Amino acid sequence: MKSTLLFSLLLTSIQVYVLLFFWGLNHEFSQAPHSVHTWRQCDGAAFGLHYFTYQNALLHPQIYNMELSNGEAVSEFPIVYWLAAKLSGNSFDAANIRWLYFLCSIIALFAVNATAYTITHSLVLSFYISFLPFLSTVFSFYSNNFLPDVPAVAVMLTALSCFYFYYKTKKAVWLALCIVFFSLAGLLKPTSLVPYLVLLSAIFFETLLGRITFTKKLTASVLHTALLTIPLIVSALWILFVKYYNTRFGSAYFRTVPFPIWELDKEDTYHFFGALANRWYGEHFSVATSKVLLAIIPLSILIAFKNNRRLGWVLLLFVALQILIMLLFAGQYYIHDYYAIALFTTPVIAYTVLFYYLQKNTLWRLLLPLIFIPYTVSEIVYTKEKLKARFETQWEDRWTTKLVKCTPHLANHGLHPNDKILVLGDPSSCISLYTLQRKGWTEMNFFRVNKHESIAMMRTHGLTWVVFFPDAKSKNADLFPNGFKKQFSLEGFEFAQL
């Protein structure tokens, strides 16, 4: 075990070096939300800033977009945003969110390296198995970001590794660790729970029918089986809390229900399948890796069936559930590239099964490292270039940077931190409000109701200032027939007091 831990530490150190210094993720920790999906990044950062500014309790999360509430909204478990606020000094440090989420990836790399090395007895194959998700541009981009998708998958992989060592040793410490990590993964992203649900099904199959799924029993006792249902209960309670919290405060900011493929119209269905193809062969993995994965996943199932029929059925159920989840959330999958991150446990498990059986053959044991050393190096170089292009994307960054310059001067012009603002001309939800560090509303609120009715509602909730993006004032003049008390301009934006 000591040698396994030592080798895992060595591999993890190399992988972290690649992530931070060869790929340049170390430069991201000090960055505000930027590049792609900035609006969703700002939602996460806004939770942390709100916790810091208003000292809310953990279970009272709020963002700066007030919508129909006072900003109360919740989707994923906000523990990291709350911790980031608590760890901040005199001012909120958004880098804490990035570091805490990246820590999940480091732990996962170490855990999967240890598990993979125990299974394959190969440093090269262990490196590839654990690092495979990070060879995805999307996965690496979000590994130290403000969204919980990558951390959820990382925590799930850690939980699976802990369960593997529990399976081998039946020690209570590994059981406790996998329960904690399974629970945290479900809290961060319920869609990441598929491997756990399949594992739990196999455990119940063994317990009820008395048949061993693998080479020995999955759990040591019925009590341990019962304890392994805790993550399922925790996740279910969190989903119920999310429903209760959002209903109580009238928030519809986050979509917390499935958007299945059968509810998509013809055009959206076309976009769904188009997004799957385009992202799989470009954004998620290289074309070569994508094609290999599409072959490896069914191949690993076939090999499992040949060697252990019950394992084959478990893998088949796992892949089927992943596909089902993808179809249930089809509306989200084709719009947001990060939704597919929940599927990334699939290639890790597929390669682990494949290497386990191939390693039993002496020829394959010699050939596989020779194949995967140059292949892994080439994929690392490829991902570096793709990441660089993504980080240089400035879809929303130019005007966000200008808003940052405005923020310190607002109070001098009479726009105080507790004044409620409306941002017009902003197509996003939380970017401007988070950047300006003010509570209020954005143009997104007008998607559902009449603009005049929205303005009236906002004024009853304390709206005092309007922030116009360039050219937005003339387009929205009819919304304010009584004019403004005071106006000033900063960085091309116009600020008007009602």
Protein backbone atom coordinates (compact mmCIF):
# COMPACT_ATOMS: atom_id res chain seq x y z
CA MET A 1 0.00 0.00 0.00
CA LYS A 2 2.89 2.38 0.77
CA SER A 3 4.33 1.92 -2.72
CA THR A 4 0.88 2.53 -4.24
CA LEU A 5 0.52 5.78 -2.32
CA LEU A 6 4.03 6.85 -3.32
CA PHE A 7 3.43 6.14 -7.00
CA SER A 8 0.05 7.89 -6.81
CA LEU A 9 1.66 10.95 -5.28
CA LEU A 10 4.27 10.98 -8.06
CA LEU A 11 1.68 10.68 -10.84
CA THR A 12 -0.58 13.28 -9.25
CA SER A 13 2.32 15.72 -8.91
CA ILE A 14 3.09 15.39 -12.63
CA GLN A 15 -0.58 15.82 -13.54
CA VAL A 16 -1.02 18.89 -11.35
CA TYR A 17 2.14 20.37 -12.89
CA VAL A 18 0.66 19.85 -16.37
CA LEU A 19 -2.63 21.45 -15.34
CA LEU A 20 -1.18 24.46 -13.54
CA PHE A 21 1.99 25.28 -15.43
CA PHE A 22 2.06 23.56 -18.82
CA TRP A 23 -1.58 24.37 -19.53
CA GLY A 24 -1.49 27.61 -17.53
CA LEU A 25 -4.42 27.08 -15.15
CA ASN A 26 -2.35 28.77 -12.43
CA HIS A 27 -3.11 32.10 -14.14
CA GLU A 28 -6.85 31.52 -13.78
CA PHE A 29 -7.07 31.65 -9.99
CA SER A 30 -6.77 35.43 -9.91
CA GLN A 31 -9.19 35.94 -12.80
CA ALA A 32 -12.77 37.13 -12.55
CA PRO A 33 -15.36 35.10 -14.50
CA HIS A 34 -14.45 35.33 -18.18
CA SER A 35 -14.31 33.54 -21.54
CA VAL A 36 -17.43 31.41 -22.25
CA HIS A 37 -20.59 31.01 -20.13
CA THR A 38 -19.56 34.04 -18.10
CA TRP A 39 -23.15 34.54 -16.98
CA ARG A 40 -23.25 31.10 -15.32
CA GLN A 41 -19.82 31.61 -13.79
CA CYS A 42 -21.04 34.87 -12.29
CA ASP A 43 -24.00 33.10 -10.74
CA GLY A 44 -21.59 30.95 -8.75
CA ALA A 45 -19.32 33.85 -7.84
CA ALA A 46 -22.38 35.89 -6.85
CA PHE A 47 -23.38 33.27 -4.28
CA GLY A 48 -19.98 33.67 -2.63
CA LEU A 49 -20.01 37.47 -2.76
CA HIS A 50 -23.53 37.54 -1.33
CA TYR A 51 -22.56 35.20 1.52
CA PHE A 52 -19.63 37.50 2.32
CA THR A 53 -21.52 40.79 2.06
CA TYR A 54 -24.70 39.83 3.89
CA GLN A 55 -23.37 37.04 6.15
CA ASN A 56 -26.18 34.68 5.19
CA ALA A 57 -26.50 31.23 6.70
CA LEU A 58 -25.43 28.31 4.52
CA LEU A 59 -29.01 27.33 3.74
CA HIS A 60 -30.04 30.87 2.79
CA PRO A 61 -28.27 31.27 -0.56
CA GLN A 62 -28.88 34.39 -2.63
CA ILE A 63 -27.60 35.90 -5.84
CA TYR A 64 -27.63 39.53 -6.92
CA ASN A 65 -30.40 39.08 -9.47
CA MET A 66 -33.55 39.67 -7.42
CA GLU A 67 -36.03 38.44 -10.05
CA LEU A 68 -39.38 38.07 -8.20
CA SER A 69 -37.70 37.43 -4.84
CA ASN A 70 -34.87 39.14 -3.02
CA GLY A 71 -32.32 37.07 -4.86
CA GLU A 72 -33.17 33.81 -3.09
CA ALA A 73 -32.41 30.98 -5.50
CA VAL A 74 -30.67 27.64 -5.26
CA SER A 75 -29.74 24.68 -7.40
CA GLU A 76 -26.52 22.92 -6.39
CA PHE A 77 -25.41 22.67 -2.76
CA PRO A 78 -23.62 25.99 -2.07
CA ILE A 79 -21.11 24.75 0.51
CA VAL A 80 -18.08 25.88 -1.54
CA TYR A 81 -19.44 29.41 -2.05
CA TRP A 82 -20.18 29.66 1.68
CA LEU A 83 -16.70 28.39 2.60
CA ALA A 84 -15.10 30.80 0.12
CA ALA A 85 -16.84 33.68 1.87
CA LYS A 86 -15.74 32.46 5.29
CA LEU A 87 -12.13 32.12 4.11
CA SER A 88 -12.04 35.66 2.69
CA GLY A 89 -10.34 38.46 4.58
CA ASN A 90 -11.39 42.10 4.51
CA SER A 91 -12.89 41.71 1.04
CA PHE A 92 -14.39 38.79 -0.82
CA ASP A 93 -11.79 36.71 -2.63
CA ALA A 94 -13.39 34.84 -5.54
CA ALA A 95 -10.15 32.88 -5.98
CA ASN A 96 -11.19 30.84 -2.94
CA ILE A 97 -13.97 29.28 -5.02
CA ARG A 98 -11.52 28.34 -7.74
CA TRP A 99 -9.04 26.83 -5.27
CA LEU A 100 -11.67 24.83 -3.38
CA TYR A 101 -13.10 23.38 -6.58
CA PHE A 102 -9.62 22.64 -7.93
CA LEU A 103 -8.81 20.82 -4.69
CA CYS A 104 -11.58 18.36 -5.59
CA SER A 105 -9.71 17.59 -8.82
CA ILE A 106 -6.40 17.07 -7.04
CA ILE A 107 -7.96 14.66 -4.55
CA ALA A 108 -9.68 12.79 -7.39
CA LEU A 109 -6.44 12.46 -9.35
CA PHE A 110 -4.65 11.03 -6.33
CA ALA A 111 -7.50 8.63 -5.51
CA VAL A 112 -7.98 7.36 -9.07
CA ASN A 113 -4.23 6.99 -9.55
CA ALA A 114 -4.10 4.78 -6.47
CA THR A 115 -7.06 2.70 -7.60
CA ALA A 116 -5.90 2.38 -11.19
CA TYR A 117 -2.38 1.40 -10.16
CA THR A 118 -3.75 -1.25 -7.78
CA ILE A 119 -5.82 -2.67 -10.65
CA THR A 120 -3.39 -2.37 -13.58
CA HIS A 121 0.03 -2.34 -11.85
CA SER A 122 1.12 0.13 -14.54
CA LEU A 123 2.19 3.74 -13.98
CA VAL A 124 1.50 4.66 -17.60
CA LEU A 125 -2.01 3.21 -17.70
CA SER A 126 -2.83 4.66 -14.27
CA PHE A 127 -1.75 8.09 -15.46
CA TYR A 128 -3.95 7.83 -18.55
CA ILE A 129 -7.05 6.53 -16.73
CA SER A 130 -7.00 9.24 -14.08
CA PHE A 131 -6.03 12.06 -16.45
CA LEU A 132 -8.43 11.12 -19.26
CA PRO A 133 -11.23 13.52 -18.19
CA PHE A 134 -8.74 16.40 -18.11
CA LEU A 135 -7.77 15.72 -21.71
CA SER A 136 -11.16 17.26 -22.44
CA THR A 137 -10.91 21.00 -23.03
CA VAL A 138 -14.28 21.58 -21.40
CA PHE A 139 -13.45 19.50 -18.32
CA SER A 140 -10.10 21.21 -17.73
CA PHE A 141 -11.57 24.66 -18.34
CA TYR A 142 -14.12 24.17 -15.57
CA SER A 143 -11.76 22.33 -13.18
CA ASN A 144 -10.85 25.55 -11.35
CA ASN A 145 -13.89 27.59 -12.32
CA PHE A 146 -17.03 28.75 -10.50
CA LEU A 147 -19.31 25.90 -11.57
CA PRO A 148 -19.73 22.63 -9.62
CA ASP A 149 -19.91 20.24 -12.60
CA VAL A 150 -16.25 19.16 -12.69
CA PRO A 151 -15.93 19.06 -8.88
CA ALA A 152 -19.03 16.83 -8.70
CA VAL A 153 -17.51 14.32 -11.14
CA ALA A 154 -14.15 14.56 -9.36
CA VAL A 155 -15.81 13.82 -6.02
CA MET A 156 -17.72 10.92 -7.61
CA LEU A 157 -14.47 9.41 -8.91
CA THR A 158 -12.97 9.82 -5.44
CA ALA A 159 -15.99 8.06 -3.94
CA LEU A 160 -15.69 5.18 -6.40
CA SER A 161 -11.99 4.85 -5.51
CA CYS A 162 -12.80 4.77 -1.81
CA PHE A 163 -15.43 2.12 -2.45
CA TYR A 164 -12.92 0.02 -4.37
CA PHE A 165 -10.59 -0.01 -1.36
CA TYR A 166 -13.55 -0.78 0.90
CA TYR A 167 -14.45 -3.69 -1.40
CA LYS A 168 -10.88 -5.00 -1.17
CA THR A 169 -10.41 -4.53 2.59
CA LYS A 170 -13.93 -4.21 4.07
CA LYS A 171 -12.55 -1.59 6.47
CA ALA A 172 -15.06 0.83 7.99
CA VAL A 173 -12.86 3.88 7.28
CA TRP A 174 -13.17 3.33 3.52
CA LEU A 175 -16.91 2.82 3.88
CA ALA A 176 -17.23 6.11 5.78
CA LEU A 177 -15.15 7.96 3.19
CA CYS A 178 -17.11 6.67 0.21
CA ILE A 179 -20.41 7.57 1.92
CA VAL A 180 -19.15 11.13 2.50
CA PHE A 181 -17.91 11.53 -1.08
CA PHE A 182 -20.97 9.90 -2.68
CA SER A 183 -23.17 12.26 -0.65
CA LEU A 184 -21.14 15.33 -1.61
CA ALA A 185 -21.19 14.38 -5.30
CA GLY A 186 -24.98 14.10 -5.23
CA LEU A 187 -25.30 17.43 -3.45
CA LEU A 188 -23.06 19.20 -5.96
CA LYS A 189 -24.72 17.65 -9.02
CA PRO A 190 -27.44 14.97 -8.78
CA THR A 191 -26.78 13.89 -12.39
CA SER A 192 -23.31 12.75 -11.33
CA LEU A 193 -24.87 10.00 -9.18
CA VAL A 194 -25.35 7.44 -11.98
CA PRO A 195 -22.28 5.30 -11.04
CA TYR A 196 -23.43 5.26 -7.42
CA LEU A 197 -26.98 4.25 -8.37
CA VAL A 198 -25.69 1.39 -10.50
CA LEU A 199 -23.35 0.28 -7.72
CA LEU A 200 -26.18 0.43 -5.20
CA SER A 201 -28.34 -1.68 -7.53
CA ALA A 202 -25.60 -4.31 -7.73
CA ILE A 203 -25.28 -4.30 -3.94
CA PHE A 204 -29.01 -4.81 -3.48
CA PHE A 205 -28.92 -7.56 -6.10
CA GLU A 206 -26.27 -9.36 -4.06
CA THR A 207 -28.03 -8.79 -0.75
CA LEU A 208 -31.44 -9.94 -1.91
CA LEU A 209 -30.42 -12.86 -4.14
CA GLY A 210 -27.23 -13.90 -2.42
CA ARG A 211 -25.23 -13.93 -5.66
CA ILE A 212 -21.77 -12.42 -5.89
CA THR A 213 -21.44 -9.81 -8.64
CA PHE A 214 -17.65 -9.71 -8.90
CA THR A 215 -15.08 -11.98 -7.22
CA LYS A 216 -16.36 -11.49 -3.68
CA LYS A 217 -19.20 -9.75 -1.84
CA LEU A 218 -19.47 -6.01 -2.38
CA THR A 219 -20.32 -5.21 1.26
CA ALA A 220 -19.33 -6.79 4.55
CA SER A 221 -22.80 -6.87 6.08
CA VAL A 222 -26.43 -5.86 5.72
CA LEU A 223 -25.69 -2.91 8.00
CA HIS A 224 -23.03 -1.66 5.61
CA THR A 225 -25.49 -2.05 2.74
CA ALA A 226 -28.01 0.04 4.65
CA LEU A 227 -25.40 2.70 5.40
CA LEU A 228 -24.60 2.97 1.70
CA THR A 229 -28.12 4.28 1.09
CA ILE A 230 -27.26 7.45 3.02
CA PRO A 231 -26.00 9.33 -0.08
CA LEU A 232 -29.28 8.56 -1.85
CA ILE A 233 -31.28 9.88 1.10
CA VAL A 234 -29.07 12.99 1.37
CA SER A 235 -29.47 13.76 -2.34
CA ALA A 236 -33.24 13.24 -2.20
CA LEU A 237 -33.52 15.57 0.81
CA TRP A 238 -31.46 18.21 -0.99
CA ILE A 239 -33.70 18.04 -4.07
CA LEU A 240 -36.75 18.45 -1.83
CA PHE A 241 -35.09 21.44 -0.14
CA VAL A 242 -34.34 23.03 -3.53
CA LYS A 243 -37.99 22.66 -4.54
CA TYR A 244 -39.18 24.06 -1.21
CA TYR A 245 -36.72 26.97 -1.16
CA ASN A 246 -37.37 28.13 -4.71
CA THR A 247 -41.14 27.75 -4.30
CA ARG A 248 -41.15 29.59 -0.99
CA PHE A 249 -39.40 32.62 -2.46
CA GLY A 250 -41.08 32.43 -5.86
CA SER A 251 -37.80 31.94 -7.69
CA ALA A 252 -37.68 30.40 -11.16
CA TYR A 253 -34.11 31.52 -11.81
CA PHE A 254 -32.68 27.99 -12.00
CA ARG A 255 -34.38 25.28 -14.00
CA THR A 256 -34.49 22.36 -11.57
CA VAL A 257 -36.64 19.97 -13.60
CA PRO A 258 -35.69 17.81 -16.59
CA PHE A 259 -36.05 19.15 -20.13
CA PRO A 260 -36.39 15.81 -21.97
CA ILE A 261 -35.82 15.26 -25.64
CA TRP A 262 -39.49 14.54 -26.32
CA GLU A 263 -40.34 18.10 -25.23
CA LEU A 264 -37.96 19.64 -27.77
CA ASP A 265 -39.36 20.92 -31.03
CA LYS A 266 -37.91 19.80 -34.36
CA GLU A 267 -35.33 22.59 -34.52
CA ASP A 268 -34.15 22.07 -30.94
CA THR A 269 -33.92 18.32 -31.49
CA TYR A 270 -31.71 19.00 -34.51
CA HIS A 271 -29.54 21.31 -32.37
CA PHE A 272 -29.33 18.66 -29.63
CA PHE A 273 -27.85 16.00 -31.91
CA GLY A 274 -25.71 18.59 -33.66
CA ALA A 275 -24.30 19.79 -30.35
CA LEU A 276 -23.51 16.22 -29.29
CA ALA A 277 -21.54 15.57 -32.46
CA ASN A 278 -19.76 18.93 -32.63
CA ARG A 279 -18.81 19.08 -28.97
CA TRP A 280 -17.81 15.44 -28.68
CA TYR A 281 -15.44 15.76 -31.65
CA GLY A 282 -14.00 19.12 -30.79
CA GLU A 283 -14.76 20.75 -27.48
CA HIS A 284 -14.84 17.71 -25.21
CA PHE A 285 -12.06 15.56 -26.72
CA SER A 286 -9.83 15.46 -29.77
CA VAL A 287 -11.26 13.68 -32.82
CA ALA A 288 -8.91 10.74 -32.25
CA THR A 289 -9.80 10.33 -28.57
CA SER A 290 -13.51 10.74 -29.32
CA LYS A 291 -13.49 7.97 -31.92
CA VAL A 292 -11.44 5.67 -29.72
CA LEU A 293 -13.80 6.23 -26.79
CA LEU A 294 -16.84 5.40 -28.90
CA ALA A 295 -15.16 2.07 -29.63
CA ILE A 296 -13.72 1.46 -26.15
CA ILE A 297 -16.99 1.83 -24.24
CA PRO A 298 -18.88 -0.99 -26.06
CA LEU A 299 -15.67 -3.04 -26.26
CA SER A 300 -15.22 -2.91 -22.49
CA ILE A 301 -18.83 -4.10 -22.06
CA LEU A 302 -18.26 -7.02 -24.44
CA ILE A 303 -15.03 -8.02 -22.70
CA ALA A 304 -16.80 -7.81 -19.33
CA PHE A 305 -19.61 -10.06 -20.59
CA LYS A 306 -17.04 -12.57 -21.84
CA ASN A 307 -15.19 -12.73 -18.52
CA ASN A 308 -17.91 -11.99 -15.96
CA ARG A 309 -21.50 -11.84 -17.18
CA ARG A 310 -22.77 -10.01 -14.11
CA LEU A 311 -20.10 -7.33 -14.51
CA GLY A 312 -21.17 -6.98 -18.13
CA TRP A 313 -24.77 -6.35 -17.08
CA VAL A 314 -23.61 -3.78 -14.51
CA LEU A 315 -21.63 -1.90 -17.16
CA LEU A 316 -24.50 -2.09 -19.63
CA LEU A 317 -26.90 -0.69 -17.02
CA PHE A 318 -24.40 2.07 -16.25
CA VAL A 319 -24.10 3.18 -19.89
CA ALA A 320 -27.87 2.91 -20.41
CA LEU A 321 -28.55 5.16 -17.40
CA GLN A 322 -25.99 7.71 -18.61
CA ILE A 323 -27.78 7.84 -21.97
CA LEU A 324 -31.14 8.12 -20.22
CA ILE A 325 -29.94 11.06 -18.11
CA MET A 326 -28.64 12.75 -21.25
CA LEU A 327 -32.04 12.35 -22.94
CA LEU A 328 -33.93 13.53 -19.85
CA PHE A 329 -31.89 16.73 -19.78
CA ALA A 330 -31.58 17.13 -23.55
CA GLY A 331 -32.73 20.76 -23.43
CA GLN A 332 -29.90 21.64 -21.06
CA TYR A 333 -27.28 19.46 -22.79
CA TYR A 334 -27.41 21.16 -26.16
CA ILE A 335 -27.33 24.69 -24.72
CA HIS A 336 -24.64 24.27 -22.05
CA ASP A 337 -21.42 22.38 -22.74
CA TYR A 338 -20.80 21.74 -19.05
CA TYR A 339 -23.89 19.54 -18.61
CA ALA A 340 -22.17 16.67 -20.45
CA ILE A 341 -19.39 16.68 -17.85
CA ALA A 342 -21.57 14.36 -15.73
CA LEU A 343 -20.95 11.67 -18.36
CA PHE A 344 -17.18 11.71 -17.89
CA THR A 345 -17.13 8.89 -15.37
CA THR A 346 -18.06 6.58 -18.26
CA PRO A 347 -14.71 6.57 -20.15
CA VAL A 348 -12.77 6.28 -16.87
CA ILE A 349 -14.68 3.15 -15.87
CA ALA A 350 -14.59 1.72 -19.41
CA TYR A 351 -10.80 2.07 -19.68
CA THR A 352 -10.30 0.64 -16.18
CA VAL A 353 -12.27 -2.49 -17.08
CA LEU A 354 -10.51 -2.82 -20.45
CA PHE A 355 -7.00 -2.45 -19.02
CA TYR A 356 -7.78 -4.84 -16.16
CA TYR A 357 -8.56 -7.68 -18.53
CA LEU A 358 -5.95 -6.85 -21.19
CA GLN A 359 -3.20 -6.68 -18.57
CA LYS A 360 -3.67 -10.39 -17.90
CA ASN A 361 -2.11 -11.07 -21.29
CA THR A 362 1.69 -10.69 -21.33
CA LEU A 363 1.79 -9.22 -24.83
CA TRP A 364 -0.79 -6.57 -24.04
CA ARG A 365 0.95 -5.80 -20.77
CA LEU A 366 4.06 -4.90 -22.80
CA LEU A 367 2.31 -3.14 -25.68
CA LEU A 368 -0.17 -0.91 -23.83
CA PRO A 369 2.43 1.37 -22.16
CA LEU A 370 4.29 1.70 -25.47
CA ILE A 371 1.06 2.81 -27.14
CA PHE A 372 -0.18 5.16 -24.45
CA ILE A 373 3.02 7.05 -23.62
CA PRO A 374 3.24 8.89 -26.99
CA TYR A 375 -0.54 9.02 -27.30
CA THR A 376 -0.95 10.70 -23.91
CA VAL A 377 1.83 13.19 -24.62
CA SER A 378 0.26 14.18 -27.96
CA GLU A 379 -3.16 14.61 -26.31
CA ILE A 380 -1.66 16.81 -23.60
CA VAL A 381 -0.11 19.08 -26.24
CA TYR A 382 -3.38 19.16 -28.20
CA THR A 383 -5.45 20.06 -25.12
CA LYS A 384 -3.03 22.86 -24.27
CA GLU A 385 -3.73 24.57 -27.60
CA LYS A 386 -7.50 24.10 -27.27
CA LEU A 387 -7.48 25.50 -23.74
CA LYS A 388 -5.46 28.51 -24.86
CA ALA A 389 -8.04 29.28 -27.55
CA ARG A 390 -10.89 28.96 -25.06
CA PHE A 391 -9.27 31.21 -22.48
CA GLU A 392 -8.67 33.83 -25.16
CA THR A 393 -12.36 33.88 -26.09
CA GLN A 394 -13.74 37.29 -25.17
CA TRP A 395 -17.41 36.92 -25.98
CA GLU A 396 -18.57 38.91 -22.94
CA ASP A 397 -15.30 40.07 -21.41
CA ARG A 398 -14.86 43.49 -22.99
CA TRP A 399 -17.87 45.17 -21.44
CA THR A 400 -17.52 43.22 -18.18
CA THR A 401 -14.04 44.68 -17.80
CA LYS A 402 -15.46 48.17 -18.29
CA LEU A 403 -18.09 47.55 -15.62
CA VAL A 404 -15.34 46.56 -13.20
CA LYS A 405 -13.75 49.97 -13.76
CA CYS A 406 -17.07 51.66 -12.96
CA THR A 407 -17.69 49.87 -9.68
CA PRO A 408 -15.33 51.77 -7.30
CA HIS A 409 -16.70 55.15 -8.44
CA LEU A 410 -20.44 54.52 -8.13
CA ALA A 411 -20.80 55.62 -4.50
CA ASN A 412 -19.08 58.93 -5.32
CA HIS A 413 -21.88 59.62 -7.79
CA GLY A 414 -24.62 58.75 -5.30
CA LEU A 415 -25.24 55.11 -6.31
CA HIS A 416 -24.77 53.37 -2.96
CA PRO A 417 -24.15 49.63 -2.32
CA ASN A 418 -27.70 48.96 -1.09
CA ASP A 419 -29.44 50.81 -3.92
CA LYS A 420 -31.40 48.49 -6.21
CA ILE A 421 -30.48 48.76 -9.88
CA LEU A 422 -31.83 47.63 -13.24
CA VAL A 423 -29.36 46.86 -16.03
CA LEU A 424 -30.71 47.34 -19.57
CA GLY A 425 -28.95 46.13 -22.68
CA ASP A 426 -27.35 43.21 -20.85
CA PRO A 427 -28.46 39.92 -22.43
CA SER A 428 -27.26 37.91 -19.47
CA SER A 429 -28.51 37.36 -15.97
CA CYS A 430 -25.98 37.98 -13.25
CA ILE A 431 -22.82 39.32 -14.91
CA SER A 432 -23.53 43.02 -14.52
CA LEU A 433 -25.07 42.77 -11.08
CA TYR A 434 -22.18 40.70 -9.74
CA THR A 435 -19.59 42.92 -11.42
CA LEU A 436 -21.18 46.10 -10.07
CA GLN A 437 -21.71 44.39 -6.69
CA ARG A 438 -25.29 45.65 -6.54
CA LYS A 439 -28.59 43.87 -6.10
CA GLY A 440 -31.26 44.33 -8.74
CA TRP A 441 -32.49 43.06 -12.06
CA THR A 442 -31.29 42.58 -15.62
CA GLU A 443 -32.95 42.38 -18.99
CA MET A 444 -33.43 38.63 -18.53
CA ASN A 445 -36.44 39.40 -16.34
CA PHE A 446 -38.24 40.76 -19.40
CA PHE A 447 -38.29 37.40 -21.10
CA ARG A 448 -41.38 36.28 -19.22
CA VAL A 449 -43.57 39.35 -18.72
CA ASN A 450 -44.41 42.74 -20.22
CA LYS A 451 -41.60 45.27 -19.81
CA HIS A 452 -43.86 47.97 -18.36
CA GLU A 453 -45.29 45.52 -15.83
CA SER A 454 -41.77 44.47 -14.89
CA ILE A 455 -40.66 48.04 -14.26
CA ALA A 456 -43.69 48.63 -12.04
CA MET A 457 -42.91 45.46 -10.07
CA MET A 458 -39.27 46.47 -9.66
CA ARG A 459 -40.19 49.93 -8.42
CA THR A 460 -42.42 48.43 -5.73
CA HIS A 461 -39.38 46.37 -4.66
CA GLY A 462 -37.16 49.42 -4.32
CA LEU A 463 -35.70 50.06 -7.79
CA THR A 464 -33.81 53.39 -7.66
CA TRP A 465 -31.25 53.35 -10.48
CA VAL A 466 -31.10 52.22 -14.10
CA VAL A 467 -27.82 51.26 -15.80
CA PHE A 468 -27.90 51.51 -19.59
CA PHE A 469 -25.45 49.64 -21.79
CA PRO A 470 -24.23 51.68 -24.79
CA ASP A 471 -27.15 52.49 -27.13
CA ALA A 472 -29.69 50.95 -24.71
CA LYS A 473 -31.10 54.22 -23.36
CA SER A 474 -32.71 55.42 -26.58
CA LYS A 475 -34.20 51.98 -27.22
CA ASN A 476 -35.89 51.91 -23.80
CA ALA A 477 -36.91 55.55 -23.40
CA ASP A 478 -40.64 54.69 -23.38
CA LEU A 479 -40.20 52.70 -20.15
CA PHE A 480 -39.42 55.87 -18.19
CA PRO A 481 -41.89 58.59 -19.28
CA ASN A 482 -41.22 60.68 -16.16
CA GLY A 483 -37.49 60.95 -16.82
CA PHE A 484 -34.74 60.78 -14.21
CA LYS A 485 -33.59 62.79 -11.21
CA LYS A 486 -29.90 62.45 -11.97
CA GLN A 487 -27.68 61.01 -14.70
CA PHE A 488 -23.98 60.39 -15.19
CA SER A 489 -21.76 58.39 -17.55
CA LEU A 490 -18.83 56.07 -16.88
CA GLU A 491 -16.87 53.92 -19.36
CA GLY A 492 -19.61 54.28 -21.98
CA PHE A 493 -22.43 53.28 -19.61
CA GLU A 494 -25.17 55.66 -18.53
CA PHE A 495 -26.42 55.64 -14.96
CA ALA A 496 -29.81 57.21 -14.27
CA GLN A 497 -31.56 57.74 -10.92
CA LEU A 498 -35.33 57.36 -10.79
